[in-house]
Amino acid sequence: MDIIDTLEGRPRGVYSGCIGYFSVSGPFDLNIVIRTAVFHNGEVAIGAGGAVVALSDPQAEYEEMLLKAERLQTAVSKCP
């Protein structure tokens, strides 16, 4: 993590992992975060990722990430 912090220079924020809620009455809802748009102070930060494993094709993973980000950017561009 120290190496990543040094290379990236800022926190990644929400774009990977799990996000959701637990209700006090028992139910919960969780989601795997592979693409996000965070709106803050009139700006939007778009994040996209995937599940890279030992057998993954790096080029295919990269292209999939670009596609996810592009789709999210298209959706965000239609927001007022």
PDB file of N, CA and C in Angstrom:
ATOM      1  N   MET A   1       0.817  -1.177   0.000  1.00  0.00           N
ATOM      2  CA  MET A   1       0.000   0.000   0.000  1.00  0.00           C
ATOM      3  C   MET A   1       0.871   1.256   0.000  1.00  0.00           C
ATOM      4  N   ASP A   2       1.999   1.203   0.678  1.00  0.00           N
ATOM      5  CA  ASP A   2       2.894   2.372   0.672  1.00  0.00           C
ATOM      6  C   ASP A   2       3.374   2.688  -0.742  1.00  0.00           C
ATOM      7  N   ILE A   3       3.684   1.648  -1.513  1.00  0.00           N
ATOM      8  CA  ILE A   3       4.136   1.863  -2.892  1.00  0.00           C
ATOM      9  C   ILE A   3       3.022   2.489  -3.712  1.00  0.00           C
ATOM     10  N   ILE A   4       1.797   1.965  -3.584  1.00  0.00           N
ATOM     11  CA  ILE A   4       0.657   2.525  -4.309  1.00  0.00           C
ATOM     12  C   ILE A   4       0.444   3.980  -3.903  1.00  0.00           C
ATOM     13  N   ASP A   5       0.484   4.269  -2.603  1.00  0.00           N
ATOM     14  CA  ASP A   5       0.326   5.654  -2.131  1.00  0.00           C
ATOM     15  C   ASP A   5       1.366   6.577  -2.740  1.00  0.00           C
ATOM     16  N   THR A   6       2.595   6.101  -2.850  1.00  0.00           N
ATOM     17  CA  THR A   6       3.668   6.910  -3.421  1.00  0.00           C
ATOM     18  C   THR A   6       3.442   7.154  -4.914  1.00  0.00           C
ATOM     19  N   LEU A   7       3.058   6.123  -5.628  1.00  0.00           N
ATOM     20  CA  LEU A   7       2.871   6.237  -7.074  1.00  0.00           C
ATOM     21  C   LEU A   7       1.643   7.056  -7.454  1.00  0.00           C
ATOM     22  N   GLU A   8       0.553   6.876  -6.721  1.00  0.00           N
ATOM     23  CA  GLU A   8      -0.695   7.525  -7.111  1.00  0.00           C
ATOM     24  C   GLU A   8      -0.847   8.929  -6.538  1.00  0.00           C
ATOM     25  N   GLY A   9      -0.224   9.207  -5.426  1.00  0.00           N
ATOM     26  CA  GLY A   9      -0.193  10.572  -4.905  1.00  0.00           C
ATOM     27  C   GLY A   9      -1.466  11.087  -4.250  1.00  0.00           C
ATOM     28  N   ARG A  10      -2.563  10.316  -4.284  1.00  0.00           N
ATOM     29  CA  ARG A  10      -3.800  10.733  -3.618  1.00  0.00           C
ATOM     30  C   ARG A  10      -4.646   9.492  -3.343  1.00  0.00           C
ATOM     31  N   PRO A  11      -5.567   9.580  -2.421  1.00  0.00           N
ATOM     32  CA  PRO A  11      -6.410   8.415  -2.133  1.00  0.00           C
ATOM     33  C   PRO A  11      -7.250   8.008  -3.337  1.00  0.00           C
ATOM     34  N   ARG A  12      -7.507   6.726  -3.478  1.00  0.00           N
ATOM     35  CA  ARG A  12      -8.308   6.223  -4.581  1.00  0.00           C
ATOM     36  C   ARG A  12      -9.785   6.552  -4.412  1.00  0.00           C
ATOM     37  N   GLY A  13     -10.275   6.617  -3.197  1.00  0.00           N
ATOM     38  CA  GLY A  13     -11.693   6.854  -2.988  1.00  0.00           C
ATOM     39  C   GLY A  13     -12.498   5.596  -3.271  1.00  0.00           C
ATOM     40  N   VAL A  14     -13.795   5.758  -3.468  1.00  0.00           N
ATOM     41  CA  VAL A  14     -14.672   4.619  -3.701  1.00  0.00           C
ATOM     42  C   VAL A  14     -14.629   4.248  -5.173  1.00  0.00           C
ATOM     43  N   TYR A  15     -14.188   3.072  -5.489  1.00  0.00           N
ATOM     44  CA  TYR A  15     -14.291   2.552  -6.853  1.00  0.00           C
ATOM     45  C   TYR A  15     -14.167   1.041  -6.877  1.00  0.00           C
ATOM     46  N   SER A  16     -13.783   0.468  -5.777  1.00  0.00           N
ATOM     47  CA  SER A  16     -13.582  -0.963  -5.746  1.00  0.00           C
ATOM     48  C   SER A  16     -13.925  -1.484  -4.365  1.00  0.00           C
ATOM     49  N   GLY A  17     -14.340  -2.704  -4.314  1.00  0.00           N
ATOM     50  CA  GLY A  17     -14.686  -3.298  -3.042  1.00  0.00           C
ATOM     51  C   GLY A  17     -16.185  -3.480  -2.923  1.00  0.00           C
ATOM     52  N   CYS A  18     -16.719  -3.133  -1.771  1.00  0.00           N
ATOM     53  CA  CYS A  18     -18.130  -3.365  -1.500  1.00  0.00           C
ATOM     54  C   CYS A  18     -18.736  -2.099  -0.901  1.00  0.00           C
ATOM     55  N   ILE A  19     -19.966  -1.813  -1.296  1.00  0.00           N
ATOM     56  CA  ILE A  19     -20.682  -0.671  -0.751  1.00  0.00           C
ATOM     57  C   ILE A  19     -22.120  -1.120  -0.494  1.00  0.00           C
ATOM     58  N   GLY A  20     -22.736  -0.612   0.534  1.00  0.00           N
ATOM     59  CA  GLY A  20     -24.106  -1.013   0.824  1.00  0.00           C
ATOM     60  C   GLY A  20     -24.555  -0.515   2.177  1.00  0.00           C
ATOM     61  N   TYR A  21     -25.577  -1.172   2.722  1.00  0.00           N
ATOM     62  CA  TYR A  21     -26.109  -0.758   4.017  1.00  0.00           C
ATOM     63  C   TYR A  21     -26.602  -1.978   4.798  1.00  0.00           C
ATOM     64  N   PHE A  22     -26.619  -1.829   6.117  1.00  0.00           N
ATOM     65  CA  PHE A  22     -27.214  -2.793   7.036  1.00  0.00           C
ATOM     66  C   PHE A  22     -28.323  -2.060   7.772  1.00  0.00           C
ATOM     67  N   SER A  23     -29.524  -2.592   7.747  1.00  0.00           N
ATOM     68  CA  SER A  23     -30.665  -1.981   8.415  1.00  0.00           C
ATOM     69  C   SER A  23     -30.718  -2.436   9.874  1.00  0.00           C
ATOM     70  N   VAL A  24     -31.185  -1.567  10.759  1.00  0.00           N
ATOM     71  CA  VAL A  24     -31.318  -1.937  12.169  1.00  0.00           C
ATOM     72  C   VAL A  24     -32.371  -3.025  12.370  1.00  0.00           C
ATOM     73  N   SER A  25     -33.265  -3.201  11.401  1.00  0.00           N
ATOM     74  CA  SER A  25     -34.297  -4.236  11.514  1.00  0.00           C
ATOM     75  C   SER A  25     -33.850  -5.579  10.916  1.00  0.00           C
ATOM     76  N   GLY A  26     -32.622  -5.656  10.414  1.00  0.00           N
ATOM     77  CA  GLY A  26     -32.082  -6.923   9.947  1.00  0.00           C
ATOM     78  C   GLY A  26     -31.658  -7.007   8.500  1.00  0.00           C
ATOM     79  N   PRO A  27     -32.454  -6.513   7.556  1.00  0.00           N
ATOM     80  CA  PRO A  27     -32.041  -6.646   6.153  1.00  0.00           C
ATOM     81  C   PRO A  27     -30.771  -5.846   5.834  1.00  0.00           C
ATOM     82  N   PHE A  28     -30.130  -6.259   4.771  1.00  0.00           N
ATOM     83  CA  PHE A  28     -28.976  -5.528   4.272  1.00  0.00           C
ATOM     84  C   PHE A  28     -28.913  -5.667   2.757  1.00  0.00           C
ATOM     85  N   ASP A  29     -28.192  -4.788   2.118  1.00  0.00           N
ATOM     86  CA  ASP A  29     -28.015  -4.833   0.670  1.00  0.00           C
ATOM     87  C   ASP A  29     -26.598  -4.394   0.368  1.00  0.00           C
ATOM     88  N   LEU A  30     -25.849  -5.244  -0.302  1.00  0.00           N
ATOM     89  CA  LEU A  30     -24.452  -4.962  -0.624  1.00  0.00           C
ATOM     90  C   LEU A  30     -24.241  -5.098  -2.125  1.00  0.00           C
ATOM     91  N   ASN A  31     -23.267  -4.390  -2.643  1.00  0.00           N
ATOM     92  CA  ASN A  31     -22.998  -4.384  -4.068  1.00  0.00           C
ATOM     93  C   ASN A  31     -21.491  -4.345  -4.291  1.00  0.00           C
ATOM     94  N   ILE A  32     -21.019  -5.056  -5.282  1.00  0.00           N
ATOM     95  CA  ILE A  32     -19.605  -4.982  -5.660  1.00  0.00           C
ATOM     96  C   ILE A  32     -19.417  -3.725  -6.492  1.00  0.00           C
ATOM     97  N   VAL A  33     -18.476  -2.923  -6.095  1.00  0.00           N
ATOM     98  CA  VAL A  33     -18.245  -1.645  -6.770  1.00  0.00           C
ATOM     99  C   VAL A  33     -17.176  -1.836  -7.847  1.00  0.00           C
ATOM    100  N   ILE A  34     -17.610  -1.785  -9.115  1.00  0.00           N
ATOM    101  CA  ILE A  34     -16.645  -1.889 -10.214  1.00  0.00           C
ATOM    102  C   ILE A  34     -16.690  -0.659 -11.103  1.00  0.00           C
ATOM    103  N   ARG A  35     -17.710   0.173 -10.897  1.00  0.00           N
ATOM    104  CA  ARG A  35     -17.752   1.471 -11.584  1.00  0.00           C
ATOM    105  C   ARG A  35     -18.548   2.426 -10.704  1.00  0.00           C
ATOM    106  N   THR A  36     -18.028   3.624 -10.533  1.00  0.00           N
ATOM    107  CA  THR A  36     -18.691   4.606  -9.670  1.00  0.00           C
ATOM    108  C   THR A  36     -18.542   6.007 -10.238  1.00  0.00           C
ATOM    109  N   ALA A  37     -19.464   6.854  -9.836  1.00  0.00           N
ATOM    110  CA  ALA A  37     -19.364   8.284 -10.115  1.00  0.00           C
ATOM    111  C   ALA A  37     -19.619   8.993  -8.789  1.00  0.00           C
ATOM    112  N   VAL A  38     -18.658   9.755  -8.345  1.00  0.00           N
ATOM    113  CA  VAL A  38     -18.784  10.486  -7.093  1.00  0.00           C
ATOM    114  C   VAL A  38     -18.875  11.971  -7.420  1.00  0.00           C
ATOM    115  N   PHE A  39     -19.996  12.577  -7.063  1.00  0.00           N
ATOM    116  CA  PHE A  39     -20.222  14.002  -7.282  1.00  0.00           C
ATOM    117  C   PHE A  39     -19.865  14.743  -6.011  1.00  0.00           C
ATOM    118  N   HIS A  40     -19.026  15.787  -6.135  1.00  0.00           N
ATOM    119  CA  HIS A  40     -18.611  16.561  -4.958  1.00  0.00           C
ATOM    120  C   HIS A  40     -18.215  17.964  -5.395  1.00  0.00           C
ATOM    121  N   ASN A  41     -18.831  18.946  -4.787  1.00  0.00           N
ATOM    122  CA  ASN A  41     -18.518  20.352  -5.068  1.00  0.00           C
ATOM    123  C   ASN A  41     -18.560  20.685  -6.559  1.00  0.00           C
ATOM    124  N   GLY A  42     -19.576  20.180  -7.242  1.00  0.00           N
ATOM    125  CA  GLY A  42     -19.741  20.505  -8.657  1.00  0.00           C
ATOM    126  C   GLY A  42     -18.838  19.739  -9.609  1.00  0.00           C
ATOM    127  N   GLU A  43     -18.078  18.802  -9.108  1.00  0.00           N
ATOM    128  CA  GLU A  43     -17.204  17.985  -9.947  1.00  0.00           C
ATOM    129  C   GLU A  43     -17.589  16.524  -9.798  1.00  0.00           C
ATOM    130  N   VAL A  44     -17.229  15.734 -10.779  1.00  0.00           N
ATOM    131  CA  VAL A  44     -17.490  14.298 -10.710  1.00  0.00           C
ATOM    132  C   VAL A  44     -16.191  13.533 -10.946  1.00  0.00           C
ATOM    133  N   ALA A  45     -15.976  12.522 -10.123  1.00  0.00           N
ATOM    134  CA  ALA A  45     -14.830  11.626 -10.287  1.00  0.00           C
ATOM    135  C   ALA A  45     -15.375  10.266 -10.701  1.00  0.00           C
ATOM    136  N   ILE A  46     -14.877   9.729 -11.792  1.00  0.00           N
ATOM    137  CA  ILE A  46     -15.330   8.445 -12.309  1.00  0.00           C
ATOM    138  C   ILE A  46     -14.251   7.406 -12.045  1.00  0.00           C
ATOM    139  N   GLY A  47     -14.684   6.269 -11.506  1.00  0.00           N
ATOM    140  CA  GLY A  47     -13.768   5.162 -11.267  1.00  0.00           C
ATOM    141  C   GLY A  47     -14.286   3.908 -11.935  1.00  0.00           C
ATOM    142  N   ALA A  48     -13.402   3.102 -12.471  1.00  0.00           N
ATOM    143  CA  ALA A  48     -13.783   1.833 -13.091  1.00  0.00           C
ATOM    144  C   ALA A  48     -12.681   0.816 -12.836  1.00  0.00           C
ATOM    145  N   GLY A  49     -13.079  -0.415 -12.653  1.00  0.00           N
ATOM    146  CA  GLY A  49     -12.103  -1.459 -12.396  1.00  0.00           C
ATOM    147  C   GLY A  49     -12.668  -2.804 -12.785  1.00  0.00           C
ATOM    148  N   GLY A  50     -12.042  -3.842 -12.309  1.00  0.00           N
ATOM    149  CA  GLY A  50     -12.497  -5.188 -12.615  1.00  0.00           C
ATOM    150  C   GLY A  50     -11.839  -6.183 -11.693  1.00  0.00           C
ATOM    151  N   ALA A  51     -12.049  -7.432 -11.976  1.00  0.00           N
ATOM    152  CA  ALA A  51     -11.499  -8.507 -11.157  1.00  0.00           C
ATOM    153  C   ALA A  51     -10.358  -9.171 -11.925  1.00  0.00           C
ATOM    154  N   VAL A  52      -9.156  -8.737 -11.662  1.00  0.00           N
ATOM    155  CA  VAL A  52      -7.983  -9.287 -12.330  1.00  0.00           C
ATOM    156  C   VAL A  52      -7.521 -10.516 -11.551  1.00  0.00           C
ATOM    157  N   VAL A  53      -7.352 -11.618 -12.276  1.00  0.00           N
ATOM    158  CA  VAL A  53      -6.870 -12.857 -11.670  1.00  0.00           C
ATOM    159  C   VAL A  53      -5.637 -13.341 -12.436  1.00  0.00           C
ATOM    160  N   ALA A  54      -5.035 -14.397 -11.969  1.00  0.00           N
ATOM    161  CA  ALA A  54      -3.794 -14.899 -12.579  1.00  0.00           C
ATOM    162  C   ALA A  54      -3.953 -15.216 -14.070  1.00  0.00           C
ATOM    163  N   LEU A  55      -5.132 -15.664 -14.471  1.00  0.00           N
ATOM    164  CA  LEU A  55      -5.338 -16.048 -15.869  1.00  0.00           C
ATOM    165  C   LEU A  55      -5.881 -14.909 -16.730  1.00  0.00           C
ATOM    166  N   SER A  56      -6.007 -13.721 -16.168  1.00  0.00           N
ATOM    167  CA  SER A  56      -6.540 -12.584 -16.919  1.00  0.00           C
ATOM    168  C   SER A  56      -5.598 -12.174 -18.044  1.00  0.00           C
ATOM    169  N   ASP A  57      -6.186 -11.683 -19.119  1.00  0.00           N
ATOM    170  CA  ASP A  57      -5.430 -11.110 -20.224  1.00  0.00           C
ATOM    171  C   ASP A  57      -5.328  -9.607 -19.945  1.00  0.00           C
ATOM    172  N   PRO A  58      -4.139  -9.087 -19.644  1.00  0.00           N
ATOM    173  CA  PRO A  58      -4.009  -7.683 -19.269  1.00  0.00           C
ATOM    174  C   PRO A  58      -4.629  -6.714 -20.271  1.00  0.00           C
ATOM    175  N   GLN A  59      -4.451  -6.947 -21.558  1.00  0.00           N
ATOM    176  CA  GLN A  59      -5.014  -6.044 -22.570  1.00  0.00           C
ATOM    177  C   GLN A  59      -6.538  -6.091 -22.540  1.00  0.00           C
ATOM    178  N   ALA A  60      -7.107  -7.276 -22.413  1.00  0.00           N
ATOM    179  CA  ALA A  60      -8.570  -7.418 -22.360  1.00  0.00           C
ATOM    180  C   ALA A  60      -9.124  -6.745 -21.107  1.00  0.00           C
ATOM    181  N   GLU A  61      -8.439  -6.889 -19.981  1.00  0.00           N
ATOM    182  CA  GLU A  61      -8.879  -6.239 -18.740  1.00  0.00           C
ATOM    183  C   GLU A  61      -8.850  -4.721 -18.887  1.00  0.00           C
ATOM    184  N   TYR A  62      -7.787  -4.217 -19.513  1.00  0.00           N
ATOM    185  CA  TYR A  62      -7.661  -2.777 -19.720  1.00  0.00           C
ATOM    186  C   TYR A  62      -8.788  -2.262 -20.610  1.00  0.00           C
ATOM    187  N   GLU A  63      -9.065  -2.973 -21.699  1.00  0.00           N
ATOM    188  CA  GLU A  63     -10.130  -2.562 -22.614  1.00  0.00           C
ATOM    189  C   GLU A  63     -11.496  -2.619 -21.929  1.00  0.00           C
ATOM    190  N   GLU A  64     -11.719  -3.620 -21.089  1.00  0.00           N
ATOM    191  CA  GLU A  64     -12.981  -3.713 -20.346  1.00  0.00           C
ATOM    192  C   GLU A  64     -13.127  -2.533 -19.387  1.00  0.00           C
ATOM    193  N   MET A  65     -12.041  -2.154 -18.711  1.00  0.00           N
ATOM    194  CA  MET A  65     -12.073  -1.011 -17.799  1.00  0.00           C
ATOM    195  C   MET A  65     -12.395   0.269 -18.554  1.00  0.00           C
ATOM    196  N   LEU A  66     -11.788   0.448 -19.728  1.00  0.00           N
ATOM    197  CA  LEU A  66     -12.078   1.640 -20.536  1.00  0.00           C
ATOM    198  C   LEU A  66     -13.549   1.677 -20.956  1.00  0.00           C
ATOM    199  N   LEU A  67     -14.105   0.526 -21.328  1.00  0.00           N
ATOM    200  CA  LEU A  67     -15.505   0.447 -21.721  1.00  0.00           C
ATOM    201  C   LEU A  67     -16.415   0.818 -20.553  1.00  0.00           C
ATOM    202  N   LYS A  68     -16.119   0.290 -19.375  1.00  0.00           N
ATOM    203  CA  LYS A  68     -16.919   0.616 -18.184  1.00  0.00           C
ATOM    204  C   LYS A  68     -16.862   2.106 -17.899  1.00  0.00           C
ATOM    205  N   ALA A  69     -15.681   2.690 -17.960  1.00  0.00           N
ATOM    206  CA  ALA A  69     -15.530   4.126 -17.694  1.00  0.00           C
ATOM    207  C   ALA A  69     -16.253   4.955 -18.752  1.00  0.00           C
ATOM    208  N   GLU A  70     -16.171   4.529 -20.010  1.00  0.00           N
ATOM    209  CA  GLU A  70     -16.823   5.259 -21.102  1.00  0.00           C
ATOM    210  C   GLU A  70     -18.339   5.275 -20.913  1.00  0.00           C
ATOM    211  N   ARG A  71     -18.901   4.128 -20.555  1.00  0.00           N
ATOM    212  CA  ARG A  71     -20.355   4.051 -20.356  1.00  0.00           C
ATOM    213  C   ARG A  71     -20.794   4.945 -19.198  1.00  0.00           C
ATOM    214  N   LEU A  72     -20.021   4.942 -18.146  1.00  0.00           N
ATOM    215  CA  LEU A  72     -20.346   5.784 -16.996  1.00  0.00           C
ATOM    216  C   LEU A  72     -20.209   7.259 -17.355  1.00  0.00           C
ATOM    217  N   GLN A  73     -19.177   7.613 -18.095  1.00  0.00           N
ATOM    218  CA  GLN A  73     -18.983   8.998 -18.525  1.00  0.00           C
ATOM    219  C   GLN A  73     -20.151   9.452 -19.408  1.00  0.00           C
ATOM    220  N   THR A  74     -20.635   8.571 -20.278  1.00  0.00           N
ATOM    221  CA  THR A  74     -21.777   8.894 -21.126  1.00  0.00           C
ATOM    222  C   THR A  74     -23.015   9.171 -20.277  1.00  0.00           C
ATOM    223  N   ALA A  75     -23.256   8.330 -19.287  1.00  0.00           N
ATOM    224  CA  ALA A  75     -24.407   8.518 -18.411  1.00  0.00           C
ATOM    225  C   ALA A  75     -24.288   9.821 -17.631  1.00  0.00           C
ATOM    226  N   VAL A  76     -23.114  10.098 -17.086  1.00  0.00           N
ATOM    227  CA  VAL A  76     -22.904  11.315 -16.297  1.00  0.00           C
ATOM    228  C   VAL A  76     -23.062  12.554 -17.178  1.00  0.00           C
ATOM    229  N   SER A  77     -22.639  12.469 -18.420  1.00  0.00           N
ATOM    230  CA  SER A  77     -22.720  13.631 -19.308  1.00  0.00           C
ATOM    231  C   SER A  77     -24.174  14.037 -19.590  1.00  0.00           C
ATOM    232  N   LYS A  78     -25.112  13.130 -19.364  1.00  0.00           N
ATOM    233  CA  LYS A  78     -26.525  13.417 -19.572  1.00  0.00           C
ATOM    234  C   LYS A  78     -27.219  13.984 -18.336  1.00  0.00           C
ATOM    235  N   CYS A  79     -26.462  14.089 -17.237  1.00  0.00           N
ATOM    236  CA  CYS A  79     -27.027  14.660 -16.002  1.00  0.00           C
ATOM    237  C   CYS A  79     -27.085  16.191 -16.120  1.00  0.00           C
ATOM    238  N   PRO A  80     -28.123  16.777 -15.534  1.00  0.00           N
ATOM    239  CA  PRO A  80     -28.220  18.254 -15.594  1.00  0.00           C
ATOM    240  C   PRO A  80     -27.137  18.941 -14.775  1.00  0.00           C
TER     241      PRO A  80
END
